[in-house]
Each structure stands twice: as C-alpha cells, then as structure tokens.
Amino acid sequence: MSEEINNHVILNHLDAPMRILLWPAEQVFACMFPLMLCIAVDQFCLGIVSSFIASFGFKSFKEKFGDGKLRAILYENFPTPEKLVQKGLPPSHVRVWHK
C-alpha cells in the first residue's frame, strides 16, 4: 500500500500553495506591492520598510483569521463583475463625462 502512494508523487502536492522561493505567492505579492508603489514615487527606503510591515501583517492576519476571512473581506469591499453590472455601466458611446 505504501509503495502505491509513493508512486503518485503529484497527488501528494496538489493542496500545497504555490510558492516563490521560500514564501507563499500571496505573501510575496503583499510584500512586493508596497515596494513597487514606493519605488514608483521615488521612496525606496519607505518601500522597504512598508513591504516588511505589509508582509508581517499579512502573515499574522492569515495565521490569526485564516484564508477565508481575507477572501470575505475582499469580496465585500471590492467590486465584482456582478456588482458592476448591477450598478449599471455607462453606455459604450460615451467617452468623456462633463458636468
């Protein structure tokens, strides 16, 4: 039986999260977003500090509440395509809005 399980190496890693080097991909994205944003506005030192804070905060939030809570918060606060359609999109022929 153990030989049969070892023959299917891929099946043992299906539930493992995607990793970039040693860190989970979502933690890397949480770290890189503030860094790239601060580099864009020419604040490299602030970007390094804010990326460490964001990475530590993201990791501690996930440990405390889990992945489901973060997804629920993102779903409630950011628009989905269904929410955009419910609000109504402007007509396609309108290019510029003036008051």
N, C-alpha and C. Protein backbone atom coordinates (compact mmCIF):
# COMPACT_ATOMS: atom_id res chain seq x y z
N MET A 1 0.82 -1.19 0.00
CA MET A 1 0.00 0.00 0.00
C MET A 1 0.87 1.25 0.00
N SER A 2 1.95 1.27 0.81
CA SER A 2 2.80 2.46 0.86
C SER A 2 3.53 2.68 -0.47
N GLU A 3 3.87 1.61 -1.17
CA GLU A 3 4.50 1.76 -2.47
C GLU A 3 3.55 2.40 -3.47
N GLU A 4 2.26 2.07 -3.37
CA GLU A 4 1.28 2.63 -4.28
C GLU A 4 1.13 4.14 -4.05
N ILE A 5 1.16 4.59 -2.82
CA ILE A 5 1.04 6.02 -2.51
C ILE A 5 2.28 6.76 -2.99
N ASN A 6 3.44 6.20 -2.83
CA ASN A 6 4.68 6.85 -3.25
C ASN A 6 4.80 6.94 -4.76
N ASN A 7 4.10 6.10 -5.49
CA ASN A 7 4.15 6.16 -6.95
C ASN A 7 3.45 7.40 -7.49
N HIS A 8 2.53 7.97 -6.72
CA HIS A 8 1.76 9.13 -7.16
C HIS A 8 2.24 10.38 -6.43
N VAL A 9 3.40 10.85 -6.82
CA VAL A 9 4.03 11.98 -6.15
C VAL A 9 3.24 13.26 -6.36
N ILE A 10 2.69 13.46 -7.54
CA ILE A 10 1.95 14.69 -7.84
C ILE A 10 0.73 14.81 -6.94
N LEU A 11 0.04 13.73 -6.69
CA LEU A 11 -1.16 13.78 -5.87
C LEU A 11 -0.85 14.19 -4.44
N ASN A 12 0.36 13.98 -3.98
CA ASN A 12 0.72 14.38 -2.62
C ASN A 12 0.89 15.88 -2.48
N HIS A 13 1.04 16.61 -3.58
CA HIS A 13 1.33 18.04 -3.53
C HIS A 13 0.24 18.92 -4.14
N LEU A 14 -0.93 18.38 -4.39
CA LEU A 14 -1.98 19.17 -5.02
C LEU A 14 -2.51 20.27 -4.11
N ASP A 15 -2.57 20.03 -2.82
CA ASP A 15 -3.12 21.01 -1.89
C ASP A 15 -2.08 22.00 -1.39
N ALA A 16 -0.83 21.84 -1.77
CA ALA A 16 0.22 22.75 -1.33
C ALA A 16 0.09 24.08 -2.07
N PRO A 17 0.21 25.22 -1.36
CA PRO A 17 0.09 26.52 -2.04
C PRO A 17 1.29 26.78 -2.94
N MET A 18 1.07 27.62 -3.96
CA MET A 18 2.14 27.98 -4.87
C MET A 18 3.18 28.81 -4.11
N ARG A 19 4.43 28.53 -4.31
CA ARG A 19 5.49 29.23 -3.59
C ARG A 19 6.45 29.88 -4.58
N ILE A 20 6.96 31.04 -4.18
CA ILE A 20 8.01 31.73 -4.91
C ILE A 20 9.21 31.74 -3.97
N LEU A 21 10.24 31.04 -4.36
CA LEU A 21 11.39 30.76 -3.50
C LEU A 21 10.91 30.06 -2.23
N LEU A 22 10.93 30.70 -1.07
CA LEU A 22 10.53 30.05 0.17
C LEU A 22 9.18 30.48 0.68
N TRP A 23 8.60 31.53 0.11
CA TRP A 23 7.39 32.13 0.65
C TRP A 23 6.18 31.81 -0.22
N PRO A 24 4.99 31.77 0.39
CA PRO A 24 3.78 31.60 -0.42
C PRO A 24 3.61 32.79 -1.37
N ALA A 25 3.01 32.54 -2.51
CA ALA A 25 2.91 33.57 -3.55
C ALA A 25 2.13 34.79 -3.06
N GLU A 26 1.05 34.58 -2.30
CA GLU A 26 0.27 35.73 -1.86
C GLU A 26 1.04 36.60 -0.87
N GLN A 27 1.93 36.00 -0.08
CA GLN A 27 2.74 36.80 0.83
C GLN A 27 3.80 37.60 0.05
N VAL A 28 4.32 37.02 -1.01
CA VAL A 28 5.27 37.74 -1.86
C VAL A 28 4.58 38.92 -2.53
N PHE A 29 3.34 38.72 -3.01
CA PHE A 29 2.61 39.82 -3.65
C PHE A 29 2.30 40.91 -2.63
N ALA A 30 1.95 40.53 -1.39
CA ALA A 30 1.67 41.51 -0.34
C ALA A 30 2.94 42.29 0.01
N CYS A 31 4.08 41.68 -0.14
CA CYS A 31 5.35 42.34 0.14
C CYS A 31 5.80 43.22 -1.04
N MET A 32 5.58 42.76 -2.25
CA MET A 32 6.08 43.48 -3.41
C MET A 32 5.23 44.69 -3.80
N PHE A 33 3.93 44.66 -3.52
CA PHE A 33 3.06 45.77 -3.91
C PHE A 33 3.50 47.09 -3.27
N PRO A 34 3.69 47.17 -1.93
CA PRO A 34 4.13 48.45 -1.37
C PRO A 34 5.54 48.84 -1.84
N LEU A 35 6.40 47.86 -2.05
CA LEU A 35 7.74 48.16 -2.51
C LEU A 35 7.71 48.79 -3.90
N MET A 36 6.97 48.20 -4.82
CA MET A 36 6.90 48.75 -6.18
C MET A 36 6.19 50.10 -6.20
N LEU A 37 5.19 50.27 -5.36
CA LEU A 37 4.49 51.55 -5.29
C LEU A 37 5.42 52.65 -4.78
N CYS A 38 6.21 52.35 -3.77
CA CYS A 38 7.14 53.36 -3.24
C CYS A 38 8.32 53.61 -4.17
N ILE A 39 8.73 52.60 -4.91
CA ILE A 39 9.78 52.82 -5.90
C ILE A 39 9.26 53.73 -7.02
N ALA A 40 7.99 53.57 -7.36
CA ALA A 40 7.41 54.41 -8.42
C ALA A 40 7.38 55.88 -8.01
N VAL A 41 7.24 56.17 -6.73
CA VAL A 41 7.21 57.56 -6.28
C VAL A 41 8.56 57.98 -5.68
N ASP A 42 9.59 57.21 -5.95
CA ASP A 42 10.98 57.54 -5.59
C ASP A 42 11.22 57.57 -4.08
N GLN A 43 10.64 56.62 -3.35
CA GLN A 43 10.84 56.49 -1.91
C GLN A 43 11.27 55.05 -1.60
N PHE A 44 12.50 54.71 -1.95
CA PHE A 44 12.97 53.34 -1.85
C PHE A 44 13.03 52.85 -0.40
N CYS A 45 13.55 53.67 0.51
CA CYS A 45 13.67 53.26 1.92
C CYS A 45 12.29 53.05 2.54
N LEU A 46 11.36 53.94 2.25
CA LEU A 46 10.00 53.78 2.73
C LEU A 46 9.37 52.52 2.16
N GLY A 47 9.70 52.18 0.93
CA GLY A 47 9.18 50.98 0.29
C GLY A 47 9.67 49.72 0.97
N ILE A 48 10.94 49.69 1.36
CA ILE A 48 11.47 48.52 2.05
C ILE A 48 10.80 48.34 3.39
N VAL A 49 10.67 49.43 4.14
CA VAL A 49 10.05 49.35 5.47
C VAL A 49 8.58 48.95 5.34
N SER A 50 7.86 49.56 4.41
CA SER A 50 6.44 49.24 4.26
C SER A 50 6.23 47.83 3.73
N SER A 51 7.14 47.31 2.93
CA SER A 51 6.99 45.94 2.44
C SER A 51 7.20 44.94 3.57
N PHE A 52 8.14 45.20 4.48
CA PHE A 52 8.31 44.32 5.64
C PHE A 52 7.09 44.37 6.55
N ILE A 53 6.55 45.56 6.76
CA ILE A 53 5.36 45.69 7.60
C ILE A 53 4.17 44.99 6.96
N ALA A 54 4.00 45.16 5.65
CA ALA A 54 2.89 44.51 4.95
C ALA A 54 3.04 42.99 4.96
N SER A 55 4.26 42.51 4.77
CA SER A 55 4.49 41.07 4.77
C SER A 55 4.21 40.48 6.15
N PHE A 56 4.71 41.13 7.20
CA PHE A 56 4.48 40.64 8.56
C PHE A 56 3.00 40.73 8.92
N GLY A 57 2.34 41.83 8.54
CA GLY A 57 0.93 41.99 8.82
C GLY A 57 0.07 40.97 8.11
N PHE A 58 0.39 40.71 6.84
CA PHE A 58 -0.35 39.72 6.07
C PHE A 58 -0.19 38.33 6.66
N LYS A 59 1.03 37.99 7.05
CA LYS A 59 1.30 36.68 7.62
C LYS A 59 0.57 36.51 8.96
N SER A 60 0.63 37.53 9.81
CA SER A 60 -0.03 37.42 11.11
C SER A 60 -1.55 37.41 10.95
N PHE A 61 -2.10 38.16 10.00
CA PHE A 61 -3.54 38.15 9.75
C PHE A 61 -4.00 36.77 9.30
N LYS A 62 -3.24 36.15 8.40
CA LYS A 62 -3.61 34.82 7.92
C LYS A 62 -3.50 33.77 9.01
N GLU A 63 -2.51 33.90 9.88
CA GLU A 63 -2.38 32.94 10.98
C GLU A 63 -3.52 33.09 11.98
N LYS A 64 -3.95 34.32 12.20
CA LYS A 64 -4.98 34.56 13.20
C LYS A 64 -6.38 34.23 12.67
N PHE A 65 -6.71 34.64 11.45
CA PHE A 65 -8.06 34.50 10.94
C PHE A 65 -8.21 33.46 9.84
N GLY A 66 -7.15 33.09 9.18
CA GLY A 66 -7.24 32.12 8.11
C GLY A 66 -7.48 32.78 6.76
N ASP A 67 -7.45 31.98 5.72
CA ASP A 67 -7.59 32.49 4.36
C ASP A 67 -9.02 32.90 4.04
N GLY A 68 -9.99 32.25 4.64
CA GLY A 68 -11.38 32.53 4.34
C GLY A 68 -11.82 33.93 4.74
N LYS A 69 -11.32 34.42 5.85
CA LYS A 69 -11.69 35.76 6.32
C LYS A 69 -11.17 36.83 5.37
N LEU A 70 -9.96 36.67 4.89
CA LEU A 70 -9.39 37.64 3.95
C LEU A 70 -10.18 37.67 2.65
N ARG A 71 -10.55 36.51 2.16
CA ARG A 71 -11.36 36.45 0.94
C ARG A 71 -12.73 37.09 1.14
N ALA A 72 -13.31 36.90 2.32
CA ALA A 72 -14.62 37.50 2.60
C ALA A 72 -14.51 39.02 2.65
N ILE A 73 -13.46 39.54 3.26
CA ILE A 73 -13.26 40.99 3.33
C ILE A 73 -13.05 41.57 1.93
N LEU A 74 -12.24 40.91 1.12
CA LEU A 74 -12.01 41.38 -0.25
C LEU A 74 -13.29 41.32 -1.07
N TYR A 75 -14.10 40.29 -0.88
CA TYR A 75 -15.34 40.17 -1.64
C TYR A 75 -16.33 41.26 -1.25
N GLU A 76 -16.39 41.61 0.04
CA GLU A 76 -17.34 42.62 0.49
C GLU A 76 -16.92 44.02 0.07
N ASN A 77 -15.63 44.31 0.02
CA ASN A 77 -15.17 45.67 -0.18
C ASN A 77 -14.78 46.03 -1.60
N PHE A 78 -14.47 45.05 -2.42
CA PHE A 78 -14.08 45.34 -3.79
C PHE A 78 -15.16 44.85 -4.75
N PRO A 79 -15.39 45.59 -5.82
CA PRO A 79 -16.48 45.21 -6.73
C PRO A 79 -16.13 43.98 -7.55
N THR A 80 -17.13 43.16 -7.74
CA THR A 80 -17.00 42.01 -8.63
C THR A 80 -17.71 42.38 -9.93
N PRO A 81 -17.52 41.63 -11.00
CA PRO A 81 -18.22 41.95 -12.24
C PRO A 81 -19.75 41.97 -12.07
N GLU A 82 -20.28 41.10 -11.19
CA GLU A 82 -21.72 41.08 -10.97
C GLU A 82 -22.19 42.37 -10.32
N LYS A 83 -21.41 42.89 -9.35
CA LYS A 83 -21.78 44.14 -8.69
C LYS A 83 -21.69 45.32 -9.65
N LEU A 84 -20.72 45.29 -10.55
CA LEU A 84 -20.61 46.37 -11.53
C LEU A 84 -21.79 46.39 -12.49
N VAL A 85 -22.26 45.23 -12.90
CA VAL A 85 -23.39 45.15 -13.81
C VAL A 85 -24.66 45.60 -13.10
N GLN A 86 -24.80 45.28 -11.82
CA GLN A 86 -25.99 45.71 -11.06
C GLN A 86 -26.06 47.22 -10.96
N LYS A 87 -24.92 47.88 -10.76
CA LYS A 87 -24.91 49.33 -10.66
C LYS A 87 -25.18 49.99 -12.00
N GLY A 88 -24.89 49.31 -13.05
CA GLY A 88 -25.11 49.84 -14.38
C GLY A 88 -23.86 50.52 -14.91
N LEU A 89 -23.40 50.06 -16.00
CA LEU A 89 -22.24 50.65 -16.64
C LEU A 89 -22.69 51.76 -17.59
N PRO A 90 -21.85 52.76 -17.82
CA PRO A 90 -22.24 53.81 -18.77
C PRO A 90 -22.31 53.24 -20.18
N PRO A 91 -23.07 53.88 -21.05
CA PRO A 91 -23.16 53.40 -22.43
C PRO A 91 -21.79 53.44 -23.11
N SER A 92 -21.59 52.56 -24.06
CA SER A 92 -20.28 52.45 -24.68
C SER A 92 -19.94 53.63 -25.58
N HIS A 93 -20.94 54.38 -26.06
CA HIS A 93 -20.65 55.51 -26.95
C HIS A 93 -20.18 56.74 -26.18
N VAL A 94 -20.37 56.78 -24.86
CA VAL A 94 -19.95 57.92 -24.05
C VAL A 94 -18.48 57.74 -23.70
N ARG A 95 -17.64 58.65 -24.16
CA ARG A 95 -16.20 58.56 -23.92
C ARG A 95 -15.74 59.49 -22.81
N VAL A 96 -16.35 60.68 -22.72
CA VAL A 96 -15.92 61.67 -21.73
C VAL A 96 -17.17 62.23 -21.05
N TRP A 97 -17.13 62.30 -19.73
CA TRP A 97 -18.25 62.86 -18.97
C TRP A 97 -17.89 64.28 -18.56
N HIS A 98 -18.81 65.23 -18.83
CA HIS A 98 -18.63 66.63 -18.43
C HIS A 98 -19.79 67.03 -17.55
N LYS A 99 -19.49 67.90 -16.58
CA LYS A 99 -20.55 68.43 -15.72
C LYS A 99 -21.03 69.75 -16.23
